[in-house]
C-alpha atoms as a PDB file:
ATOM      1  CA  MET A   1      70.811 102.040  85.422  1.00  0.00           C
ATOM      2  CA  PRO A   2      68.119  99.348  85.303  1.00  0.00           C
ATOM      3  CA  GLU A   3      66.547  98.025  88.448  1.00  0.00           C
ATOM      4  CA  SER A   4      68.081  94.612  87.773  1.00  0.00           C
ATOM      5  CA  ALA A   5      71.646  95.813  88.382  1.00  0.00           C
ATOM      6  CA  PRO A   6      72.976  93.492  91.111  1.00  0.00           C
ATOM      7  CA  LEU A   7      73.361  94.652  94.687  1.00  0.00           C
ATOM      8  CA  LEU A   8      75.762  92.820  96.981  1.00  0.00           C
ATOM      9  CA  VAL A   9      76.835  93.123 100.607  1.00  0.00           C
ATOM     10  CA  SER A  10      80.467  92.892 101.651  1.00  0.00           C
ATOM     11  CA  LEU A  11      80.367  90.623 104.694  1.00  0.00           C
ATOM     12  CA  SER A  12      82.906  92.826 106.490  1.00  0.00           C
ATOM     13  CA  SER A  13      80.049  95.329 106.832  1.00  0.00           C
ATOM     14  CA  PHE A  14      78.667  93.283 109.716  1.00  0.00           C
ATOM     15  CA  GLY A  15      81.794  93.877 111.823  1.00  0.00           C
ATOM     16  CA  ALA A  16      85.026  91.886 111.770  1.00  0.00           C
ATOM     17  CA  ASP A  17      84.704  90.510 115.308  1.00  0.00           C
ATOM     18  CA  GLU A  18      81.114  89.374 114.836  1.00  0.00           C
ATOM     19  CA  VAL A  19      81.833  87.796 111.475  1.00  0.00           C
ATOM     20  CA  ARG A  20      84.863  85.918 112.788  1.00  0.00           C
ATOM     21  CA  ARG A  21      82.853  84.757 115.784  1.00  0.00           C
ATOM     22  CA  HIS A  22      79.853  83.460 113.856  1.00  0.00           C
ATOM     23  CA  GLY A  23      81.270  82.745 110.402  1.00  0.00           C
ATOM     24  CA  GLN A  24      80.531  84.273 107.025  1.00  0.00           C
ATOM     25  CA  ALA A  25      77.942  81.699 105.895  1.00  0.00           C
ATOM     26  CA  GLY A  26      75.300  82.914 108.356  1.00  0.00           C
ATOM     27  CA  PHE A  27      75.826  86.544 107.430  1.00  0.00           C
ATOM     28  CA  ALA A  28      75.651  85.627 103.750  1.00  0.00           C
ATOM     29  CA  ARG A  29      72.228  84.082 104.343  1.00  0.00           C
ATOM     30  CA  LEU A  30      71.153  87.193 106.273  1.00  0.00           C
ATOM     31  CA  ALA A  31      72.212  89.469 103.409  1.00  0.00           C
ATOM     32  CA  LEU A  32      70.170  87.486 100.913  1.00  0.00           C
ATOM     33  CA  ALA A  33      67.160  87.380 103.252  1.00  0.00           C
ATOM     34  CA  ALA A  34      67.369  91.190 103.356  1.00  0.00           C
ATOM     35  CA  GLY A  35      67.145  91.379  99.559  1.00  0.00           C
ATOM     36  CA  ALA A  36      70.757  91.317  98.360  1.00  0.00           C
ATOM     37  CA  ASP A  37      71.601  89.606  95.085  1.00  0.00           C
ATOM     38  CA  GLY A  38      74.963  88.412  96.329  1.00  0.00           C
ATOM     39  CA  VAL A  39      77.799  88.747  98.807  1.00  0.00           C
ATOM     40  CA  GLU A  40      81.459  89.648  98.901  1.00  0.00           C
ATOM     41  CA  VAL A  41      83.377  87.130 100.998  1.00  0.00           C
ATOM     42  CA  ARG A  42      86.418  88.465 102.827  1.00  0.00           C
ATOM     43  CA  GLY A  43      89.667  86.550 102.874  1.00  0.00           C
ATOM     44  CA  GLU A  44      90.883  88.263 106.045  1.00  0.00           C
ATOM     45  CA  LEU A  45      87.820  87.004 107.925  1.00  0.00           C
ATOM     46  CA  LEU A  46      88.070  83.339 106.946  1.00  0.00           C
ATOM     47  CA  GLN A  47      88.430  80.826 109.762  1.00  0.00           C
ATOM     48  CA  GLY A  48      88.592  77.522 107.905  1.00  0.00           C
ATOM     49  CA  GLU A  49      89.913  78.488 104.451  1.00  0.00           C
ATOM     50  CA  ASP A  50      88.473  76.204 101.749  1.00  0.00           C
ATOM     51  CA  GLY A  51      86.136  74.450 104.169  1.00  0.00           C
ATOM     52  CA  GLU A  52      84.437  77.716 105.048  1.00  0.00           C
ATOM     53  CA  LEU A  53      84.408  78.832 101.422  1.00  0.00           C
ATOM     54  CA  ALA A  54      82.578  75.651 100.447  1.00  0.00           C
ATOM     55  CA  ALA A  55      80.123  76.184 103.306  1.00  0.00           C
ATOM     56  CA  ILE A  56      79.382  79.734 102.166  1.00  0.00           C
ATOM     57  CA  ALA A  57      78.852  78.587  98.589  1.00  0.00           C
ATOM     58  CA  ALA A  58      76.427  75.905  99.829  1.00  0.00           C
ATOM     59  CA  ALA A  59      74.601  78.416 102.069  1.00  0.00           C
ATOM     60  CA  VAL A  60      73.800  80.795  99.185  1.00  0.00           C
ATOM     61  CA  PRO A  61      73.818  78.582  96.082  1.00  0.00           C
ATOM     62  CA  ARG A  62      72.001  80.990  93.762  1.00  0.00           C
ATOM     63  CA  ALA A  63      73.723  84.183  94.886  1.00  0.00           C
ATOM     64  CA  LEU A  64      76.417  86.177  93.126  1.00  0.00           C
ATOM     65  CA  ARG A  65      79.728  85.822  94.923  1.00  0.00           C
ATOM     66  CA  VAL A  66      82.867  87.964  94.902  1.00  0.00           C
ATOM     67  CA  PHE A  67      86.011  86.961  96.765  1.00  0.00           C
ATOM     68  CA  SER A  68      88.127  89.721  98.327  1.00  0.00           C
ATOM     69  CA  SER A  69      91.776  88.890  98.951  1.00  0.00           C
ATOM     70  CA  PRO A  70      93.682  91.089 101.421  1.00  0.00           C
ATOM     71  CA  ALA A  71      96.993  90.348  99.681  1.00  0.00           C
ATOM     72  CA  PRO A  72      98.378  92.858  97.156  1.00  0.00           C
ATOM     73  CA  LEU A  73      99.520  91.801  93.688  1.00  0.00           C
ATOM     74  CA  TRP A  74     102.980  93.351  94.085  1.00  0.00           C
ATOM     75  CA  THR A  75     105.102  93.187  97.229  1.00  0.00           C
ATOM     76  CA  ASP A  76     106.591  96.111  99.165  1.00  0.00           C
ATOM     77  CA  THR A  77     109.827  95.566  97.216  1.00  0.00           C
ATOM     78  CA  GLY A  78     108.042  95.863  93.865  1.00  0.00           C
ATOM     79  CA  GLU A  79     108.015  92.176  92.945  1.00  0.00           C
ATOM     80  CA  MET A  80     104.974  90.517  91.394  1.00  0.00           C
ATOM     81  CA  ASP A  81     103.427  88.132  93.933  1.00  0.00           C
ATOM     82  CA  ALA A  82     102.292  85.251  91.730  1.00  0.00           C
ATOM     83  CA  GLN A  83     101.707  83.114  94.819  1.00  0.00           C
ATOM     84  CA  ALA A  84      99.262  85.639  96.309  1.00  0.00           C
ATOM     85  CA  LEU A  85      97.392  85.816  93.011  1.00  0.00           C
ATOM     86  CA  ASP A  86      97.335  82.023  92.724  1.00  0.00           C
ATOM     87  CA  GLN A  87      95.935  81.711  96.251  1.00  0.00           C
ATOM     88  CA  GLY A  88      93.280  84.351  95.576  1.00  0.00           C
ATOM     89  CA  LEU A  89      92.204  82.642  92.368  1.00  0.00           C
ATOM     90  CA  ARG A  90      92.105  79.255  94.095  1.00  0.00           C
ATOM     91  CA  GLN A  91      89.962  80.642  96.912  1.00  0.00           C
ATOM     92  CA  ALA A  92      87.654  82.365  94.429  1.00  0.00           C
ATOM     93  CA  ARG A  93      87.143  79.065  92.618  1.00  0.00           C
ATOM     94  CA  ALA A  94      86.470  77.265  95.919  1.00  0.00           C
ATOM     95  CA  LEU A  95      83.760  79.857  96.575  1.00  0.00           C
ATOM     96  CA  GLN A  96      82.501  79.496  92.999  1.00  0.00           C
ATOM     97  CA  ALA A  97      82.906  83.261  92.733  1.00  0.00           C
ATOM     98  CA  THR A  98      82.682  85.192  89.487  1.00  0.00           C
ATOM     99  CA  ARG A  99      85.161  87.857  90.580  1.00  0.00           C
ATOM    100  CA  LEU A 100      88.338  88.211  92.623  1.00  0.00           C
ATOM    101  CA  LYS A 101      89.114  91.625  94.114  1.00  0.00           C
ATOM    102  CA  MET A 102      92.711  92.601  94.910  1.00  0.00           C
ATOM    103  CA  SER A 103      94.805  95.778  95.133  1.00  0.00           C
ATOM    104  CA  ILE A 104      97.959  96.347  93.109  1.00  0.00           C
ATOM    105  CA  GLY A 105     100.304  96.997  96.027  1.00  0.00           C
ATOM    106  CA  HIS A 106     103.677  98.429  94.975  1.00  0.00           C
ATOM    107  CA  ALA A 107     103.276  97.952  91.217  1.00  0.00           C
ATOM    108  CA  ALA A 108     104.952 101.177  90.076  1.00  0.00           C
ATOM    109  CA  ALA A 109     107.808  99.300  88.407  1.00  0.00           C
ATOM    110  CA  ALA A 110     105.707  96.443  87.013  1.00  0.00           C
ATOM    111  CA  SER A 111     107.290  95.157  83.804  1.00  0.00           C
ATOM    112  CA  ALA A 112     105.413  94.256  80.639  1.00  0.00           C
ATOM    113  CA  GLN A 113     106.614  90.671  81.106  1.00  0.00           C
ATOM    114  CA  ALA A 114     105.142  90.495  84.620  1.00  0.00           C
ATOM    115  CA  LEU A 115     101.874  92.040  83.472  1.00  0.00           C
ATOM    116  CA  ARG A 116     101.553  89.573  80.602  1.00  0.00           C
ATOM    117  CA  ALA A 117     102.274  86.694  82.981  1.00  0.00           C
ATOM    118  CA  MET A 118      99.611  87.926  85.379  1.00  0.00           C
ATOM    119  CA  ALA A 119      97.093  88.331  82.553  1.00  0.00           C
ATOM    120  CA  ALA A 120      97.735  84.749  81.427  1.00  0.00           C
ATOM    121  CA  GLN A 121      97.382  83.461  84.994  1.00  0.00           C
ATOM    122  CA  VAL A 122      94.036  85.210  85.383  1.00  0.00           C
ATOM    123  CA  GLU A 123      92.718  84.147  81.985  1.00  0.00           C
ATOM    124  CA  ALA A 124      93.546  80.497  82.647  1.00  0.00           C
ATOM    125  CA  SER A 125      91.633  80.600  85.938  1.00  0.00           C
ATOM    126  CA  GLY A 126      88.235  81.530  84.511  1.00  0.00           C
ATOM    127  CA  VAL A 127      87.827  84.139  87.292  1.00  0.00           C
ATOM    128  CA  GLU A 128      87.631  87.879  86.611  1.00  0.00           C
ATOM    129  CA  LEU A 129      90.216  89.955  88.491  1.00  0.00           C
ATOM    130  CA  VAL A 130      89.092  93.464  89.459  1.00  0.00           C
ATOM    131  CA  ILE A 131      91.640  95.945  90.803  1.00  0.00           C
ATOM    132  CA  GLU A 132      90.573  97.983  93.849  1.00  0.00           C
ATOM    133  CA  ASN A 133      91.757 101.415  94.893  1.00  0.00           C
ATOM    134  CA  ASP A 134      92.814 100.832  98.488  1.00  0.00           C
ATOM    135  CA  GLN A 135      93.739 103.363 101.174  1.00  0.00           C
ATOM    136  CA  THR A 136      97.511 103.469 100.519  1.00  0.00           C
ATOM    137  CA  PRO A 137      99.646 105.922  98.521  1.00  0.00           C
ATOM    138  CA  ALA A 138     100.987 103.117  96.319  1.00  0.00           C
ATOM    139  CA  ALA A 139      97.610 101.674  95.312  1.00  0.00           C
ATOM    140  CA  GLY A 140      94.978 104.231  96.253  1.00  0.00           C
ATOM    141  CA  THR A 141      95.700 107.364  94.250  1.00  0.00           C
ATOM    142  CA  VAL A 142      94.543 108.369  90.781  1.00  0.00           C
ATOM    143  CA  PRO A 143      98.096 108.712  89.357  1.00  0.00           C
ATOM    144  CA  ALA A 144      99.233 105.321  90.712  1.00  0.00           C
ATOM    145  CA  LEU A 145      96.248 103.517  89.243  1.00  0.00           C
ATOM    146  CA  GLN A 146      96.392 105.415  85.967  1.00  0.00           C
ATOM    147  CA  ARG A 147     100.022 104.311  85.579  1.00  0.00           C
ATOM    148  CA  PHE A 148      99.062 100.719  86.302  1.00  0.00           C
ATOM    149  CA  PHE A 149      96.149 100.579  83.860  1.00  0.00           C
ATOM    150  CA  ALA A 150      98.230 102.301  81.176  1.00  0.00           C
ATOM    151  CA  ALA A 151     101.093  99.814  81.644  1.00  0.00           C
ATOM    152  CA  ALA A 152      98.657  96.886  81.589  1.00  0.00           C
ATOM    153  CA  GLY A 153      97.106  98.203  78.384  1.00  0.00           C
ATOM    154  CA  GLU A 154     100.512  98.513  76.736  1.00  0.00           C
ATOM    155  CA  ALA A 155     101.153  94.887  77.713  1.00  0.00           C
ATOM    156  CA  GLY A 156      97.886  93.834  76.044  1.00  0.00           C
ATOM    157  CA  TRP A 157      95.860  93.377  79.233  1.00  0.00           C
ATOM    158  CA  SER A 158      92.697  95.276  80.204  1.00  0.00           C
ATOM    159  CA  PRO A 159      91.767  94.359  83.796  1.00  0.00           C
ATOM    160  CA  GLY A 160      88.606  95.781  85.301  1.00  0.00           C
ATOM    161  CA  MET A 161      88.392  97.906  88.426  1.00  0.00           C
ATOM    162  CA  THR A 162      86.620  97.805  91.752  1.00  0.00           C
ATOM    163  CA  PHE A 163      85.811 101.459  92.406  1.00  0.00           C
ATOM    164  CA  ASP A 164      85.712 102.070  96.168  1.00  0.00           C
ATOM    165  CA  MET A 165      84.040 105.458  96.391  1.00  0.00           C
ATOM    166  CA  GLY A 166      85.117 106.037  99.993  1.00  0.00           C
ATOM    167  CA  ASN A 167      88.767 104.966  99.894  1.00  0.00           C
ATOM    168  CA  TRP A 168      89.834 107.947  97.776  1.00  0.00           C
ATOM    169  CA  HIS A 169      89.462 110.215 100.815  1.00  0.00           C
ATOM    170  CA  TRP A 170      92.260 108.445 102.700  1.00  0.00           C
ATOM    171  CA  GLN A 171      94.725 109.820 100.132  1.00  0.00           C
ATOM    172  CA  GLY A 172      93.069 113.200  99.612  1.00  0.00           C
ATOM    173  CA  GLU A 173      91.677 112.290  96.196  1.00  0.00           C
ATOM    174  CA  CYS A 174      88.368 113.517  94.791  1.00  0.00           C
ATOM    175  CA  PRO A 175      86.020 110.572  94.114  1.00  0.00           C
ATOM    176  CA  GLN A 176      84.160 112.476  91.405  1.00  0.00           C
ATOM    177  CA  GLN A 177      87.384 113.161  89.510  1.00  0.00           C
ATOM    178  CA  ALA A 178      88.378 109.530  90.016  1.00  0.00           C
ATOM    179  CA  ALA A 179      85.031 108.373  88.613  1.00  0.00           C
ATOM    180  CA  ARG A 180      85.678 110.376  85.470  1.00  0.00           C
ATOM    181  CA  ALA A 181      89.246 109.060  85.213  1.00  0.00           C
ATOM    182  CA  PHE A 182      88.377 105.368  85.565  1.00  0.00           C
ATOM    183  CA  ALA A 183      84.888 105.040  84.111  1.00  0.00           C
ATOM    184  CA  ALA A 184      86.152 102.795  81.320  1.00  0.00           C
ATOM    185  CA  GLN A 185      87.713 100.341  83.791  1.00  0.00           C
ATOM    186  CA  VAL A 186      84.950 100.139  86.430  1.00  0.00           C
ATOM    187  CA  ARG A 187      83.270  96.728  86.692  1.00  0.00           C
ATOM    188  CA  TYR A 188      82.236  96.716  90.373  1.00  0.00           C
ATOM    189  CA  VAL A 189      81.531  99.465  92.916  1.00  0.00           C
ATOM    190  CA  HIS A 190      82.057  99.570  96.669  1.00  0.00           C
ATOM    191  CA  CYS A 191      79.434 101.892  98.140  1.00  0.00           C
ATOM    192  CA  LYS A 192      80.914 103.543 101.220  1.00  0.00           C
ATOM    193  CA  GLY A 193      80.120 106.692 103.154  1.00  0.00           C
ATOM    194  CA  VAL A 194      82.887 108.575 104.984  1.00  0.00           C
ATOM    195  CA  GLN A 195      83.293 111.030 107.817  1.00  0.00           C
ATOM    196  CA  ARG A 196      86.333 112.807 109.202  1.00  0.00           C
ATOM    197  CA  GLN A 197      86.720 111.950 112.899  1.00  0.00           C
ATOM    198  CA  ALA A 198      89.643 112.683 115.240  1.00  0.00           C
ATOM    199  CA  GLN A 199      92.087 113.429 112.423  1.00  0.00           C
ATOM    200  CA  ARG A 200      91.169 110.288 110.468  1.00  0.00           C
ATOM    201  CA  TRP A 201      88.603 109.112 107.982  1.00  0.00           C
ATOM    202  CA  VAL A 202      86.096 106.439 108.980  1.00  0.00           C
ATOM    203  CA  ALA A 203      83.541 104.470 106.979  1.00  0.00           C
ATOM    204  CA  VAL A 204      79.903 105.263 107.757  1.00  0.00           C
ATOM    205  CA  PRO A 205      76.477 104.512 106.229  1.00  0.00           C
ATOM    206  CA  LEU A 206      75.765 106.547 103.119  1.00  0.00           C
ATOM    207  CA  ALA A 207      73.107 108.698 104.798  1.00  0.00           C
ATOM    208  CA  GLN A 208      75.742 109.882 107.310  1.00  0.00           C
ATOM    209  CA  SER A 209      78.439 110.559 104.726  1.00  0.00           C
ATOM    210  CA  ALA A 210      80.187 113.893 104.333  1.00  0.00           C
ATOM    211  CA  ALA A 211      80.927 113.049 100.688  1.00  0.00           C
ATOM    212  CA  PRO A 212      78.643 113.613  97.647  1.00  0.00           C
ATOM    213  CA  TRP A 213      77.921 109.915  97.260  1.00  0.00           C
ATOM    214  CA  ARG A 214      74.796 110.284  95.118  1.00  0.00           C
ATOM    215  CA  SER A 215      76.585 112.230  92.399  1.00  0.00           C
ATOM    216  CA  VAL A 216      79.536 109.815  92.479  1.00  0.00           C
ATOM    217  CA  LEU A 217      77.278 106.813  91.958  1.00  0.00           C
ATOM    218  CA  ARG A 218      75.474 108.590  89.126  1.00  0.00           C
ATOM    219  CA  SER A 219      78.845 109.231  87.453  1.00  0.00           C
ATOM    220  CA  LEU A 220      79.760 105.551  87.253  1.00  0.00           C
ATOM    221  CA  PRO A 221      78.840 103.199  84.395  1.00  0.00           C
ATOM    222  CA  ALA A 222      75.334 101.785  84.182  1.00  0.00           C
ATOM    223  CA  ASN A 223      74.599  98.125  84.928  1.00  0.00           C
ATOM    224  CA  THR A 224      77.611  97.863  87.244  1.00  0.00           C
ATOM    225  CA  PRO A 225      77.149  95.735  90.385  1.00  0.00           C
ATOM    226  CA  TRP A 226      77.214  97.721  93.625  1.00  0.00           C
ATOM    227  CA  ALA A 227      78.215  96.369  97.017  1.00  0.00           C
ATOM    228  CA  ILE A 228      77.527  97.809 100.468  1.00  0.00           C
ATOM    229  CA  GLU A 229      80.827  98.181 102.305  1.00  0.00           C
ATOM    230  CA  TYR A 230      80.014 100.286 105.343  1.00  0.00           C
ATOM    231  CA  PRO A 231      78.899  99.415 108.886  1.00  0.00           C
ATOM    232  CA  LEU A 232      75.605  97.575 109.229  1.00  0.00           C
ATOM    233  CA  ALA A 233      74.600  97.338 112.886  1.00  0.00           C
ATOM    234  CA  GLY A 234      71.435  97.279 114.968  1.00  0.00           C
ATOM    235  CA  ASP A 235      69.132  95.116 117.043  1.00  0.00           C
ATOM    236  CA  ASP A 236      67.325  93.935 113.909  1.00  0.00           C
ATOM    237  CA  LEU A 237      70.260  93.430 111.566  1.00  0.00           C
ATOM    238  CA  GLU A 238      68.170  92.052 108.732  1.00  0.00           C
ATOM    239  CA  ALA A 239      65.903  95.104 108.814  1.00  0.00           C
ATOM    240  CA  VAL A 240      68.910  97.454 108.860  1.00  0.00           C
ATOM    241  CA  THR A 241      70.415  95.664 105.871  1.00  0.00           C
ATOM    242  CA  ARG A 242      67.114  95.678 103.997  1.00  0.00           C
ATOM    243  CA  ARG A 243      66.768  99.433 104.546  1.00  0.00           C
ATOM    244  CA  GLU A 244      70.211 100.093 103.065  1.00  0.00           C
ATOM    245  CA  ILE A 245      69.559  97.809 100.110  1.00  0.00           C
ATOM    246  CA  ASP A 246      66.247  99.560  99.472  1.00  0.00           C
ATOM    247  CA  LEU A 247      68.043 102.922  99.554  1.00  0.00           C
ATOM    248  CA  LEU A 248      70.454 101.800  96.847  1.00  0.00           C
ATOM    249  CA  ARG A 249      67.718 100.211  94.735  1.00  0.00           C
ATOM    250  CA  GLY A 250      65.838 103.492  94.891  1.00  0.00           C
ATOM    251  CA  LEU A 251      68.901 105.344  93.655  1.00  0.00           C
ATOM    252  CA  GLN A 252      69.338 102.825  90.857  1.00  0.00           C
ATOM    253  CA  ALA A 253      65.728 103.300  89.789  1.00  0.00           C
ATOM    254  CA  GLY A 254      66.099 107.064  89.860  1.00  0.00           C
ATOM    255  CA  THR A 255      69.100 106.985  87.529  1.00  0.00           C
ATOM    256  CA  ALA A 256      67.801 104.319  85.118  1.00  0.00           C
END
């Protein structure tokens, strides 16, 4: 992977309460000051909807931007949520983002007609949709996502994937096996360390991770943007962020 592969910071990494209190624009500027190439803006942390999205875009005008929508593409009853997709695409455009990240939700029974309609909706928007493996059984296991990508392919649609290397653990999946299974779909990577604490998994910085994160990252396609999505905290937050970005750039250089 060349050194120029983009590195982003998911703004949720700075802590939901702090980000809601101070707004995402300031943290976006901090991430870029620490050396990031871009930011992932979180829909669940917005306070002013389009007004805040415009402010973030103005705060980091030359940065790469990804918009993360918390809404799934299919509802709990298995119906395609065109309204959720439309809102995500609209918010991504307001941010002037290149990518929109969403999970599939309960898409097990997605019809070819629904998949073609979704593909057309995405294509007309000019925004790239990337499907994330979340932490749920319906949308965060290898079989569920393999079924979805296979059905989309049969419907003539080839969406990309956001590969969250940490989320697999919530469903007992092996991230290395998942990397092999989805290499062809991966367009964006969430870098996340994990630890098992009090009968649950928690996200941690990569250096504290119990998972083989280096080998997972090396297994994923070259030139794919990576984003930090684990806690960034400390008295000197810019220095902490810079250290983590430097760690990832070093790994990129070592696998180029």
